[in-house]
Amino acid sequence: MADGISLEEFGEALSDLLGKEAMNAEESLDEIIEKRTKQIRDRLRQRSPKDTGGYAKGWRVKTVTRNHEKVKVIYNAEKPWLTYILEYGNQHQPAQPHIRKIVLEAADEIIEELVDRL
């Protein structure tokens, strides 16, 4: 028998290594999401339409459980009914898109940061 490890031992070692890397990636993503949700909230506060200021100041972040997973939710606690009207408009109010732009920017930033960490 040649020096070295068996194919079964190699498979187990590789499986362990991949498991550790997956846990590392998940922890990194959790850290990134935690930080970025607060940044998204702050951007929404800055870039939201400000008639009286209540809507812009109303952005909050909370953690909820969905399908046994913890999820960050960014929502407007002060005037939640305005989010759709302002973002998409209606027959009385022209659209003032502000949410989609911020979310798309943040998604790109999250992916870039995760790739850099891994």
PDB file of N, CA and C in Angstrom:
ATOM      1  N   MET A   1       0.842  -1.181   0.000  1.00  0.00           N
ATOM      2  CA  MET A   1       0.000   0.000   0.000  1.00  0.00           C
ATOM      3  C   MET A   1       0.886   1.241   0.000  1.00  0.00           C
ATOM      4  N   ALA A   2       0.537   2.221  -0.811  1.00  0.00           N
ATOM      5  CA  ALA A   2       1.328   3.439  -0.932  1.00  0.00           C
ATOM      6  C   ALA A   2       1.085   4.348   0.268  1.00  0.00           C
ATOM      7  N   ASP A   3       2.061   5.240   0.520  1.00  0.00           N
ATOM      8  CA  ASP A   3       1.905   6.218   1.591  1.00  0.00           C
ATOM      9  C   ASP A   3       0.798   7.198   1.210  1.00  0.00           C
ATOM     10  N   GLY A   4       0.106   7.724   2.199  1.00  0.00           N
ATOM     11  CA  GLY A   4      -0.951   8.682   1.920  1.00  0.00           C
ATOM     12  C   GLY A   4      -2.224   8.307   2.641  1.00  0.00           C
ATOM     13  N   ILE A   5      -3.304   8.845   2.147  1.00  0.00           N
ATOM     14  CA  ILE A   5      -4.592   8.573   2.769  1.00  0.00           C
ATOM     15  C   ILE A   5      -5.499   7.885   1.765  1.00  0.00           C
ATOM     16  N   SER A   6      -6.456   7.219   2.295  1.00  0.00           N
ATOM     17  CA  SER A   6      -7.400   6.521   1.424  1.00  0.00           C
ATOM     18  C   SER A   6      -8.375   7.523   0.817  1.00  0.00           C
ATOM     19  N   LEU A   7      -9.040   7.088  -0.214  1.00  0.00           N
ATOM     20  CA  LEU A   7     -10.031   7.924  -0.865  1.00  0.00           C
ATOM     21  C   LEU A   7     -11.153   8.298   0.107  1.00  0.00           C
ATOM     22  N   GLU A   8     -11.519   7.375   0.966  1.00  0.00           N
ATOM     23  CA  GLU A   8     -12.563   7.643   1.955  1.00  0.00           C
ATOM     24  C   GLU A   8     -12.103   8.716   2.945  1.00  0.00           C
ATOM     25  N   GLU A   9     -10.861   8.638   3.414  1.00  0.00           N
ATOM     26  CA  GLU A   9     -10.333   9.651   4.333  1.00  0.00           C
ATOM     27  C   GLU A   9     -10.244  11.015   3.652  1.00  0.00           C
ATOM     28  N   PHE A  10      -9.849  11.001   2.376  1.00  0.00           N
ATOM     29  CA  PHE A  10      -9.775  12.249   1.627  1.00  0.00           C
ATOM     30  C   PHE A  10     -11.164  12.874   1.506  1.00  0.00           C
ATOM     31  N   GLY A  11     -12.169  12.063   1.215  1.00  0.00           N
ATOM     32  CA  GLY A  11     -13.542  12.540   1.096  1.00  0.00           C
ATOM     33  C   GLY A  11     -14.044  13.135   2.403  1.00  0.00           C
ATOM     34  N   GLU A  12     -13.729  12.481   3.522  1.00  0.00           N
ATOM     35  CA  GLU A  12     -14.142  12.998   4.826  1.00  0.00           C
ATOM     36  C   GLU A  12     -13.453  14.326   5.138  1.00  0.00           C
ATOM     37  N   ALA A  13     -12.149  14.405   4.842  1.00  0.00           N
ATOM     38  CA  ALA A  13     -11.401  15.650   5.091  1.00  0.00           C
ATOM     39  C   ALA A  13     -11.950  16.785   4.225  1.00  0.00           C
ATOM     40  N   LEU A  14     -12.239  16.485   2.971  1.00  0.00           N
ATOM     41  CA  LEU A  14     -12.789  17.490   2.062  1.00  0.00           C
ATOM     42  C   LEU A  14     -14.171  17.945   2.525  1.00  0.00           C
ATOM     43  N   SER A  15     -14.984  17.021   2.958  1.00  0.00           N
ATOM     44  CA  SER A  15     -16.319  17.337   3.459  1.00  0.00           C
ATOM     45  C   SER A  15     -16.235  18.235   4.691  1.00  0.00           C
ATOM     46  N   ASP A  16     -15.322  17.917   5.615  1.00  0.00           N
ATOM     47  CA  ASP A  16     -15.133  18.752   6.800  1.00  0.00           C
ATOM     48  C   ASP A  16     -14.700  20.156   6.417  1.00  0.00           C
ATOM     49  N   LEU A  17     -13.755  20.263   5.492  1.00  0.00           N
ATOM     50  CA  LEU A  17     -13.255  21.558   5.057  1.00  0.00           C
ATOM     51  C   LEU A  17     -14.364  22.385   4.409  1.00  0.00           C
ATOM     52  N   LEU A  18     -15.146  21.764   3.544  1.00  0.00           N
ATOM     53  CA  LEU A  18     -16.246  22.472   2.885  1.00  0.00           C
ATOM     54  C   LEU A  18     -17.310  22.913   3.890  1.00  0.00           C
ATOM     55  N   GLY A  19     -17.553  22.083   4.894  1.00  0.00           N
ATOM     56  CA  GLY A  19     -18.506  22.451   5.943  1.00  0.00           C
ATOM     57  C   GLY A  19     -18.039  23.674   6.719  1.00  0.00           C
ATOM     58  N   LYS A  20     -16.752  23.714   7.044  1.00  0.00           N
ATOM     59  CA  LYS A  20     -16.193  24.869   7.760  1.00  0.00           C
ATOM     60  C   LYS A  20     -16.271  26.130   6.898  1.00  0.00           C
ATOM     61  N   GLU A  21     -15.975  26.009   5.621  1.00  0.00           N
ATOM     62  CA  GLU A  21     -16.040  27.153   4.719  1.00  0.00           C
ATOM     63  C   GLU A  21     -17.476  27.653   4.567  1.00  0.00           C
ATOM     64  N   ALA A  22     -18.425  26.737   4.526  1.00  0.00           N
ATOM     65  CA  ALA A  22     -19.829  27.134   4.427  1.00  0.00           C
ATOM     66  C   ALA A  22     -20.264  27.887   5.679  1.00  0.00           C
ATOM     67  N   MET A  23     -19.822  27.413   6.849  1.00  0.00           N
ATOM     68  CA  MET A  23     -20.151  28.102   8.094  1.00  0.00           C
ATOM     69  C   MET A  23     -19.505  29.487   8.117  1.00  0.00           C
ATOM     70  N   ASN A  24     -18.276  29.585   7.646  1.00  0.00           N
ATOM     71  CA  ASN A  24     -17.576  30.864   7.586  1.00  0.00           C
ATOM     72  C   ASN A  24     -18.319  31.839   6.664  1.00  0.00           C
ATOM     73  N   ALA A  25     -18.753  31.352   5.513  1.00  0.00           N
ATOM     74  CA  ALA A  25     -19.488  32.190   4.565  1.00  0.00           C
ATOM     75  C   ALA A  25     -20.808  32.651   5.168  1.00  0.00           C
ATOM     76  N   GLU A  26     -21.499  31.760   5.874  1.00  0.00           N
ATOM     77  CA  GLU A  26     -22.775  32.119   6.488  1.00  0.00           C
ATOM     78  C   GLU A  26     -22.580  33.162   7.584  1.00  0.00           C
ATOM     79  N   GLU A  27     -21.536  32.990   8.408  1.00  0.00           N
ATOM     80  CA  GLU A  27     -21.254  33.974   9.454  1.00  0.00           C
ATOM     81  C   GLU A  27     -20.889  35.324   8.838  1.00  0.00           C
ATOM     82  N   SER A  28     -20.089  35.294   7.775  1.00  0.00           N
ATOM     83  CA  SER A  28     -19.720  36.541   7.099  1.00  0.00           C
ATOM     84  C   SER A  28     -20.953  37.232   6.531  1.00  0.00           C
ATOM     85  N   LEU A  29     -21.817  36.464   5.909  1.00  0.00           N
ATOM     86  CA  LEU A  29     -23.040  37.045   5.338  1.00  0.00           C
ATOM     87  C   LEU A  29     -23.916  37.641   6.433  1.00  0.00           C
ATOM     88  N   ASP A  30     -24.043  36.959   7.570  1.00  0.00           N
ATOM     89  CA  ASP A  30     -24.838  37.485   8.680  1.00  0.00           C
ATOM     90  C   ASP A  30     -24.272  38.824   9.161  1.00  0.00           C
ATOM     91  N   GLU A  31     -22.944  38.916   9.291  1.00  0.00           N
ATOM     92  CA  GLU A  31     -22.301  40.167   9.723  1.00  0.00           C
ATOM     93  C   GLU A  31     -22.541  41.280   8.708  1.00  0.00           C
ATOM     94  N   ILE A  32     -22.402  40.945   7.444  1.00  0.00           N
ATOM     95  CA  ILE A  32     -22.600  41.940   6.381  1.00  0.00           C
ATOM     96  C   ILE A  32     -24.042  42.423   6.374  1.00  0.00           C
ATOM     97  N   ILE A  33     -24.985  41.508   6.457  1.00  0.00           N
ATOM     98  CA  ILE A  33     -26.408  41.868   6.449  1.00  0.00           C
ATOM     99  C   ILE A  33     -26.737  42.750   7.647  1.00  0.00           C
ATOM    100  N   GLU A  34     -26.209  42.416   8.817  1.00  0.00           N
ATOM    101  CA  GLU A  34     -26.446  43.221  10.019  1.00  0.00           C
ATOM    102  C   GLU A  34     -26.005  44.665   9.797  1.00  0.00           C
ATOM    103  N   LYS A  35     -24.807  44.826   9.256  1.00  0.00           N
ATOM    104  CA  LYS A  35     -24.266  46.172   9.024  1.00  0.00           C
ATOM    105  C   LYS A  35     -25.019  46.886   7.907  1.00  0.00           C
ATOM    106  N   ARG A  36     -25.270  46.192   6.817  1.00  0.00           N
ATOM    107  CA  ARG A  36     -25.881  46.831   5.645  1.00  0.00           C
ATOM    108  C   ARG A  36     -27.338  47.224   5.863  1.00  0.00           C
ATOM    109  N   THR A  37     -28.088  46.470   6.673  1.00  0.00           N
ATOM    110  CA  THR A  37     -29.483  46.853   6.894  1.00  0.00           C
ATOM    111  C   THR A  37     -29.571  48.220   7.563  1.00  0.00           C
ATOM    112  N   LYS A  38     -28.662  48.487   8.466  1.00  0.00           N
ATOM    113  CA  LYS A  38     -28.652  49.802   9.116  1.00  0.00           C
ATOM    114  C   LYS A  38     -28.276  50.895   8.120  1.00  0.00           C
ATOM    115  N   GLN A  39     -27.355  50.586   7.217  1.00  0.00           N
ATOM    116  CA  GLN A  39     -26.979  51.552   6.180  1.00  0.00           C
ATOM    117  C   GLN A  39     -28.146  51.813   5.226  1.00  0.00           C
ATOM    118  N   ILE A  40     -28.868  50.758   4.871  1.00  0.00           N
ATOM    119  CA  ILE A  40     -30.028  50.911   3.992  1.00  0.00           C
ATOM    120  C   ILE A  40     -31.069  51.795   4.671  1.00  0.00           C
ATOM    121  N   ARG A  41     -31.339  51.512   5.941  1.00  0.00           N
ATOM    122  CA  ARG A  41     -32.294  52.336   6.695  1.00  0.00           C
ATOM    123  C   ARG A  41     -31.867  53.801   6.679  1.00  0.00           C
ATOM    124  N   ASP A  42     -30.585  54.054   6.930  1.00  0.00           N
ATOM    125  CA  ASP A  42     -30.087  55.434   6.956  1.00  0.00           C
ATOM    126  C   ASP A  42     -30.201  56.093   5.578  1.00  0.00           C
ATOM    127  N   ARG A  43     -29.913  55.352   4.519  1.00  0.00           N
ATOM    128  CA  ARG A  43     -30.068  55.893   3.162  1.00  0.00           C
ATOM    129  C   ARG A  43     -31.523  56.225   2.858  1.00  0.00           C
ATOM    130  N   LEU A  44     -32.426  55.336   3.296  1.00  0.00           N
ATOM    131  CA  LEU A  44     -33.850  55.599   3.089  1.00  0.00           C
ATOM    132  C   LEU A  44     -34.276  56.863   3.831  1.00  0.00           C
ATOM    133  N   ARG A  45     -33.758  57.049   5.019  1.00  0.00           N
ATOM    134  CA  ARG A  45     -34.082  58.263   5.771  1.00  0.00           C
ATOM    135  C   ARG A  45     -33.578  59.509   5.037  1.00  0.00           C
ATOM    136  N   GLN A  46     -32.418  59.403   4.418  1.00  0.00           N
ATOM    137  CA  GLN A  46     -31.839  60.551   3.716  1.00  0.00           C
ATOM    138  C   GLN A  46     -32.534  60.831   2.390  1.00  0.00           C
ATOM    139  N   ARG A  47     -32.848  59.782   1.637  1.00  0.00           N
ATOM    140  CA  ARG A  47     -33.329  59.947   0.265  1.00  0.00           C
ATOM    141  C   ARG A  47     -34.839  59.880   0.098  1.00  0.00           C
ATOM    142  N   SER A  48     -35.566  59.611   1.160  1.00  0.00           N
ATOM    143  CA  SER A  48     -37.027  59.556   1.056  1.00  0.00           C
ATOM    144  C   SER A  48     -37.594  60.949   0.857  1.00  0.00           C
ATOM    145  N   PRO A  49     -38.718  61.037   0.146  1.00  0.00           N
ATOM    146  CA  PRO A  49     -39.388  62.338   0.017  1.00  0.00           C
ATOM    147  C   PRO A  49     -39.715  62.897   1.401  1.00  0.00           C
ATOM    148  N   LYS A  50     -39.543  64.208   1.536  1.00  0.00           N
ATOM    149  CA  LYS A  50     -39.721  64.835   2.847  1.00  0.00           C
ATOM    150  C   LYS A  50     -40.731  65.977   2.757  1.00  0.00           C
ATOM    151  N   ASP A  51     -41.993  65.655   2.791  1.00  0.00           N
ATOM    152  CA  ASP A  51     -43.016  66.698   2.823  1.00  0.00           C
ATOM    153  C   ASP A  51     -43.061  67.278   4.238  1.00  0.00           C
ATOM    154  N   THR A  52     -43.390  66.423   5.202  1.00  0.00           N
ATOM    155  CA  THR A  52     -43.375  66.850   6.600  1.00  0.00           C
ATOM    156  C   THR A  52     -42.174  66.270   7.332  1.00  0.00           C
ATOM    157  N   GLY A  53     -41.555  65.242   6.764  1.00  0.00           N
ATOM    158  CA  GLY A  53     -40.404  64.603   7.384  1.00  0.00           C
ATOM    159  C   GLY A  53     -40.733  63.339   8.160  1.00  0.00           C
ATOM    160  N   GLY A  54     -42.012  63.134   8.464  1.00  0.00           N
ATOM    161  CA  GLY A  54     -42.418  61.954   9.232  1.00  0.00           C
ATOM    162  C   GLY A  54     -42.153  60.659   8.498  1.00  0.00           C
ATOM    163  N   TYR A  55     -42.427  60.647   7.206  1.00  0.00           N
ATOM    164  CA  TYR A  55     -42.193  59.442   6.406  1.00  0.00           C
ATOM    165  C   TYR A  55     -40.708  59.104   6.389  1.00  0.00           C
ATOM    166  N   ALA A  56     -39.872  60.074   6.107  1.00  0.00           N
ATOM    167  CA  ALA A  56     -38.433  59.829   6.007  1.00  0.00           C
ATOM    168  C   ALA A  56     -37.853  59.350   7.334  1.00  0.00           C
ATOM    169  N   LYS A  57     -38.359  59.872   8.430  1.00  0.00           N
ATOM    170  CA  LYS A  57     -37.856  59.486   9.749  1.00  0.00           C
ATOM    171  C   LYS A  57     -38.418  58.148  10.226  1.00  0.00           C
ATOM    172  N   GLY A  58     -39.402  57.613   9.515  1.00  0.00           N
ATOM    173  CA  GLY A  58     -40.116  56.423   9.978  1.00  0.00           C
ATOM    174  C   GLY A  58     -39.466  55.093   9.667  1.00  0.00           C
ATOM    175  N   TRP A  59     -38.331  55.063   8.994  1.00  0.00           N
ATOM    176  CA  TRP A  59     -37.716  53.793   8.611  1.00  0.00           C
ATOM    177  C   TRP A  59     -37.115  53.088   9.811  1.00  0.00           C
ATOM    178  N   ARG A  60     -37.417  51.780   9.936  1.00  0.00           N
ATOM    179  CA  ARG A  60     -36.951  50.955  11.052  1.00  0.00           C
ATOM    180  C   ARG A  60     -36.426  49.622  10.506  1.00  0.00           C
ATOM    181  N   VAL A  61     -35.628  48.958  11.353  1.00  0.00           N
ATOM    182  CA  VAL A  61     -35.131  47.614  11.049  1.00  0.00           C
ATOM    183  C   VAL A  61     -35.565  46.699  12.184  1.00  0.00           C
ATOM    184  N   LYS A  62     -36.078  45.532  11.833  1.00  0.00           N
ATOM    185  CA  LYS A  62     -36.397  44.543  12.862  1.00  0.00           C
ATOM    186  C   LYS A  62     -35.990  43.168  12.354  1.00  0.00           C
ATOM    187  N   THR A  63     -35.805  42.255  13.281  1.00  0.00           N
ATOM    188  CA  THR A  63     -35.462  40.876  12.948  1.00  0.00           C
ATOM    189  C   THR A  63     -36.683  40.014  13.211  1.00  0.00           C
ATOM    190  N   VAL A  64     -37.075  39.242  12.209  1.00  0.00           N
ATOM    191  CA  VAL A  64     -38.213  38.339  12.340  1.00  0.00           C
ATOM    192  C   VAL A  64     -37.775  36.937  11.926  1.00  0.00           C
ATOM    193  N   THR A  65     -38.563  35.953  12.299  1.00  0.00           N
ATOM    194  CA  THR A  65     -38.281  34.570  11.909  1.00  0.00           C
ATOM    195  C   THR A  65     -39.279  34.151  10.844  1.00  0.00           C
ATOM    196  N   ARG A  66     -38.743  33.722   9.706  1.00  0.00           N
ATOM    197  CA  ARG A  66     -39.563  33.213   8.606  1.00  0.00           C
ATOM    198  C   ARG A  66     -38.994  31.877   8.169  1.00  0.00           C
ATOM    199  N   ASN A  67     -39.819  30.872   8.135  1.00  0.00           N
ATOM    200  CA  ASN A  67     -39.386  29.527   7.740  1.00  0.00           C
ATOM    201  C   ASN A  67     -38.164  29.087   8.544  1.00  0.00           C
ATOM    202  N   HIS A  68     -38.202  29.336   9.847  1.00  0.00           N
ATOM    203  CA  HIS A  68     -37.146  28.941  10.781  1.00  0.00           C
ATOM    204  C   HIS A  68     -35.818  29.643  10.526  1.00  0.00           C
ATOM    205  N   GLU A  69     -35.849  30.769   9.834  1.00  0.00           N
ATOM    206  CA  GLU A  69     -34.649  31.557   9.544  1.00  0.00           C
ATOM    207  C   GLU A  69     -34.866  32.965  10.070  1.00  0.00           C
ATOM    208  N   LYS A  70     -33.810  33.553  10.648  1.00  0.00           N
ATOM    209  CA  LYS A  70     -33.909  34.950  11.062  1.00  0.00           C
ATOM    210  C   LYS A  70     -33.683  35.836   9.850  1.00  0.00           C
ATOM    211  N   VAL A  71     -34.579  36.811   9.677  1.00  0.00           N
ATOM    212  CA  VAL A  71     -34.562  37.685   8.519  1.00  0.00           C
ATOM    213  C   VAL A  71     -34.638  39.132   8.998  1.00  0.00           C
ATOM    214  N   LYS A  72     -33.870  40.015   8.355  1.00  0.00           N
ATOM    215  CA  LYS A  72     -33.943  41.445   8.653  1.00  0.00           C
ATOM    216  C   LYS A  72     -35.015  42.065   7.767  1.00  0.00           C
ATOM    217  N   VAL A  73     -35.867  42.892   8.365  1.00  0.00           N
ATOM    218  CA  VAL A  73     -36.928  43.565   7.635  1.00  0.00           C
ATOM    219  C   VAL A  73     -36.760  45.069   7.838  1.00  0.00           C
ATOM    220  N   ILE A  74     -36.745  45.800   6.745  1.00  0.00           N
ATOM    221  CA  ILE A  74     -36.695  47.256   6.798  1.00  0.00           C
ATOM    222  C   ILE A  74     -38.083  47.737   6.404  1.00  0.00           C
ATOM    223  N   TYR A  75     -38.685  48.548   7.244  1.00  0.00           N
ATOM    224  CA  TYR A  75     -40.061  48.968   7.004  1.00  0.00           C
ATOM    225  C   TYR A  75     -40.262  50.391   7.499  1.00  0.00           C
ATOM    226  N   ASN A  76     -41.335  51.004   7.072  1.00  0.00           N
ATOM    227  CA  ASN A  76     -41.659  52.347   7.522  1.00  0.00           C
ATOM    228  C   ASN A  76     -42.745  52.247   8.590  1.00  0.00           C
ATOM    229  N   ALA A  77     -42.376  52.538   9.814  1.00  0.00           N
ATOM    230  CA  ALA A  77     -43.301  52.409  10.941  1.00  0.00           C
ATOM    231  C   ALA A  77     -44.262  53.590  11.040  1.00  0.00           C
ATOM    232  N   GLU A  78     -43.861  54.752  10.543  1.00  0.00           N
ATOM    233  CA  GLU A  78     -44.683  55.947  10.694  1.00  0.00           C
ATOM    234  C   GLU A  78     -45.806  56.029   9.664  1.00  0.00           C
ATOM    235  N   LYS A  79     -45.470  55.782   8.402  1.00  0.00           N
ATOM    236  CA  LYS A  79     -46.468  55.895   7.331  1.00  0.00           C
ATOM    237  C   LYS A  79     -46.279  54.758   6.319  1.00  0.00           C
ATOM    238  N   PRO A  80     -46.562  53.536   6.735  1.00  0.00           N
ATOM    239  CA  PRO A  80     -46.302  52.393   5.857  1.00  0.00           C
ATOM    240  C   PRO A  80     -47.110  52.418   4.561  1.00  0.00           C
ATOM    241  N   TRP A  81     -48.297  53.009   4.584  1.00  0.00           N
ATOM    242  CA  TRP A  81     -49.136  53.060   3.390  1.00  0.00           C
ATOM    243  C   TRP A  81     -48.530  53.937   2.290  1.00  0.00           C
ATOM    244  N   LEU A  82     -47.605  54.817   2.649  1.00  0.00           N
ATOM    245  CA  LEU A  82     -47.014  55.703   1.656  1.00  0.00           C
ATOM    246  C   LEU A  82     -45.912  55.042   0.825  1.00  0.00           C
ATOM    247  N   THR A  83     -45.345  53.962   1.324  1.00  0.00           N
ATOM    248  CA  THR A  83     -44.213  53.364   0.609  1.00  0.00           C
ATOM    249  C   THR A  83     -44.597  52.988  -0.821  1.00  0.00           C
ATOM    250  N   TYR A  84     -45.715  52.303  -0.990  1.00  0.00           N
ATOM    251  CA  TYR A  84     -46.140  51.890  -2.328  1.00  0.00           C
ATOM    252  C   TYR A  84     -46.526  53.099  -3.176  1.00  0.00           C
ATOM    253  N   ILE A  85     -47.284  54.009  -2.614  1.00  0.00           N
ATOM    254  CA  ILE A  85     -47.743  55.179  -3.379  1.00  0.00           C
ATOM    255  C   ILE A  85     -46.565  56.016  -3.854  1.00  0.00           C
ATOM    256  N   LEU A  86     -45.610  56.261  -2.958  1.00  0.00           N
ATOM    257  CA  LEU A  86     -44.454  57.068  -3.352  1.00  0.00           C
ATOM    258  C   LEU A  86     -43.561  56.335  -4.344  1.00  0.00           C
ATOM    259  N   GLU A  87     -43.386  55.056  -4.139  1.00  0.00           N
ATOM    260  CA  GLU A  87     -42.482  54.293  -5.014  1.00  0.00           C
ATOM    261  C   GLU A  87     -43.066  54.113  -6.414  1.00  0.00           C
ATOM    262  N   TYR A  88     -44.356  53.814  -6.505  1.00  0.00           N
ATOM    263  CA  TYR A  88     -44.971  53.486  -7.793  1.00  0.00           C
ATOM    264  C   TYR A  88     -45.958  54.540  -8.308  1.00  0.00           C
ATOM    265  N   GLY A  89     -46.402  55.423  -7.432  1.00  0.00           N
ATOM    266  CA  GLY A  89     -47.353  56.450  -7.843  1.00  0.00           C
ATOM    267  C   GLY A  89     -48.769  55.898  -7.948  1.00  0.00           C
ATOM    268  N   ASN A  90     -49.698  56.813  -8.194  1.00  0.00           N
ATOM    269  CA  ASN A  90     -51.091  56.449  -8.464  1.00  0.00           C
ATOM    270  C   ASN A  90     -51.709  57.577  -9.283  1.00  0.00           C
ATOM    271  N   GLN A  91     -53.009  57.576  -9.436  1.00  0.00           N
ATOM    272  CA  GLN A  91     -53.634  58.585 -10.291  1.00  0.00           C
ATOM    273  C   GLN A  91     -53.510  60.000  -9.731  1.00  0.00           C
ATOM    274  N   HIS A  92     -53.228  60.147  -8.449  1.00  0.00           N
ATOM    275  CA  HIS A  92     -53.108  61.466  -7.825  1.00  0.00           C
ATOM    276  C   HIS A  92     -51.665  61.866  -7.512  1.00  0.00           C
ATOM    277  N   GLN A  93     -50.785  60.876  -7.449  1.00  0.00           N
ATOM    278  CA  GLN A  93     -49.412  61.116  -7.008  1.00  0.00           C
ATOM    279  C   GLN A  93     -48.435  60.488  -8.010  1.00  0.00           C
ATOM    280  N   PRO A  94     -47.570  61.288  -8.632  1.00  0.00           N
ATOM    281  CA  PRO A  94     -46.566  60.682  -9.524  1.00  0.00           C
ATOM    282  C   PRO A  94     -45.549  59.874  -8.708  1.00  0.00           C
ATOM    283  N   ALA A  95     -45.004  58.863  -9.326  1.00  0.00           N
ATOM    284  CA  ALA A  95     -44.021  58.002  -8.660  1.00  0.00           C
ATOM    285  C   ALA A  95     -42.772  58.796  -8.297  1.00  0.00           C
ATOM    286  N   GLN A  96     -42.252  58.500  -7.129  1.00  0.00           N
ATOM    287  CA  GLN A  96     -40.982  59.054  -6.663  1.00  0.00           C
ATOM    288  C   GLN A  96     -40.104  57.885  -6.206  1.00  0.00           C
ATOM    289  N   PRO A  97     -39.612  57.096  -7.172  1.00  0.00           N
ATOM    290  CA  PRO A  97     -38.856  55.891  -6.806  1.00  0.00           C
ATOM    291  C   PRO A  97     -37.651  56.231  -5.935  1.00  0.00           C
ATOM    292  N   HIS A  98     -37.581  55.606  -4.789  1.00  0.00           N
ATOM    293  CA  HIS A  98     -36.455  55.815  -3.892  1.00  0.00           C
ATOM    294  C   HIS A  98     -36.031  54.508  -3.227  1.00  0.00           C
ATOM    295  N   ILE A  99     -36.944  53.581  -3.044  1.00  0.00           N
ATOM    296  CA  ILE A  99     -36.645  52.334  -2.355  1.00  0.00           C
ATOM    297  C   ILE A  99     -35.861  51.381  -3.260  1.00  0.00           C
ATOM    298  N   ARG A 100     -36.342  51.153  -4.477  1.00  0.00           N
ATOM    299  CA  ARG A 100     -35.694  50.204  -5.388  1.00  0.00           C
ATOM    300  C   ARG A 100     -34.237  50.545  -5.640  1.00  0.00           C
ATOM    301  N   LYS A 101     -33.956  51.826  -5.868  1.00  0.00           N
ATOM    302  CA  LYS A 101     -32.576  52.248  -6.154  1.00  0.00           C
ATOM    303  C   LYS A 101     -31.652  51.899  -5.002  1.00  0.00           C
ATOM    304  N   ILE A 102     -32.099  52.167  -3.803  1.00  0.00           N
ATOM    305  CA  ILE A 102     -31.287  51.909  -2.621  1.00  0.00           C
ATOM    306  C   ILE A 102     -31.088  50.411  -2.411  1.00  0.00           C
ATOM    307  N   VAL A 103     -32.128  49.639  -2.592  1.00  0.00           N
ATOM    308  CA  VAL A 103     -32.034  48.182  -2.409  1.00  0.00           C
ATOM    309  C   VAL A 103     -31.095  47.564  -3.447  1.00  0.00           C
ATOM    310  N   LEU A 104     -31.188  48.002  -4.691  1.00  0.00           N
ATOM    311  CA  LEU A 104     -30.301  47.475  -5.725  1.00  0.00           C
ATOM    312  C   LEU A 104     -28.843  47.847  -5.453  1.00  0.00           C
ATOM    313  N   GLU A 105     -28.601  49.066  -5.023  1.00  0.00           N
ATOM    314  CA  GLU A 105     -27.245  49.474  -4.649  1.00  0.00           C
ATOM    315  C   GLU A 105     -26.712  48.588  -3.527  1.00  0.00           C
ATOM    316  N   ALA A 106     -27.530  48.395  -2.512  1.00  0.00           N
ATOM    317  CA  ALA A 106     -27.118  47.611  -1.350  1.00  0.00           C
ATOM    318  C   ALA A 106     -26.857  46.157  -1.724  1.00  0.00           C
ATOM    319  N   ALA A 107     -27.675  45.586  -2.607  1.00  0.00           N
ATOM    320  CA  ALA A 107     -27.472  44.196  -3.024  1.00  0.00           C
ATOM    321  C   ALA A 107     -26.108  44.038  -3.680  1.00  0.00           C
ATOM    322  N   ASP A 108     -25.745  44.965  -4.546  1.00  0.00           N
ATOM    323  CA  ASP A 108     -24.425  44.915  -5.193  1.00  0.00           C
ATOM    324  C   ASP A 108     -23.314  45.033  -4.158  1.00  0.00           C
ATOM    325  N   GLU A 109     -23.479  45.937  -3.202  1.00  0.00           N
ATOM    326  CA  GLU A 109     -22.463  46.127  -2.169  1.00  0.00           C
ATOM    327  C   GLU A 109     -22.314  44.889  -1.290  1.00  0.00           C
ATOM    328  N   ILE A 110     -23.423  44.251  -0.949  1.00  0.00           N
ATOM    329  CA  ILE A 110     -23.386  43.036  -0.126  1.00  0.00           C
ATOM    330  C   ILE A 110     -22.640  41.932  -0.855  1.00  0.00           C
ATOM    331  N   ILE A 111     -22.936  41.743  -2.126  1.00  0.00           N
ATOM    332  CA  ILE A 111     -22.263  40.700  -2.910  1.00  0.00           C
ATOM    333  C   ILE A 111     -20.771  40.984  -3.005  1.00  0.00           C
ATOM    334  N   GLU A 112     -20.398  42.227  -3.300  1.00  0.00           N
ATOM    335  CA  GLU A 112     -18.991  42.585  -3.383  1.00  0.00           C
ATOM    336  C   GLU A 112     -18.261  42.322  -2.069  1.00  0.00           C
ATOM    337  N   GLU A 113     -18.855  42.739  -0.961  1.00  0.00           N
ATOM    338  CA  GLU A 113     -18.211  42.544   0.329  1.00  0.00           C
ATOM    339  C   GLU A 113     -18.087  41.069   0.679  1.00  0.00           C
ATOM    340  N   LEU A 114     -19.091  40.285   0.372  1.00  0.00           N
ATOM    341  CA  LEU A 114     -19.024  38.844   0.660  1.00  0.00           C
ATOM    342  C   LEU A 114     -17.935  38.186  -0.179  1.00  0.00           C
ATOM    343  N   VAL A 115     -17.858  38.536  -1.441  1.00  0.00           N
ATOM    344  CA  VAL A 115     -16.809  37.967  -2.314  1.00  0.00           C
ATOM    345  C   VAL A 115     -15.424  38.349  -1.796  1.00  0.00           C
ATOM    346  N   ASP A 116     -15.266  39.604  -1.362  1.00  0.00           N
ATOM    347  CA  ASP A 116     -13.976  40.047  -0.827  1.00  0.00           C
ATOM    348  C   ASP A 116     -13.583  39.271   0.416  1.00  0.00           C
ATOM    349  N   ARG A 117     -14.551  38.975   1.271  1.00  0.00           N
ATOM    350  CA  ARG A 117     -14.258  38.242   2.505  1.00  0.00           C
ATOM    351  C   ARG A 117     -13.901  36.777   2.243  1.00  0.00           C
ATOM    352  N   LEU A 118     -14.491  36.229   1.204  1.00  0.00           N
ATOM    353  CA  LEU A 118     -14.240  34.813   0.933  1.00  0.00           C
ATOM    354  C   LEU A 118     -13.021  34.693   0.037  1.00  0.00           C
TER     355      LEU A 118
END
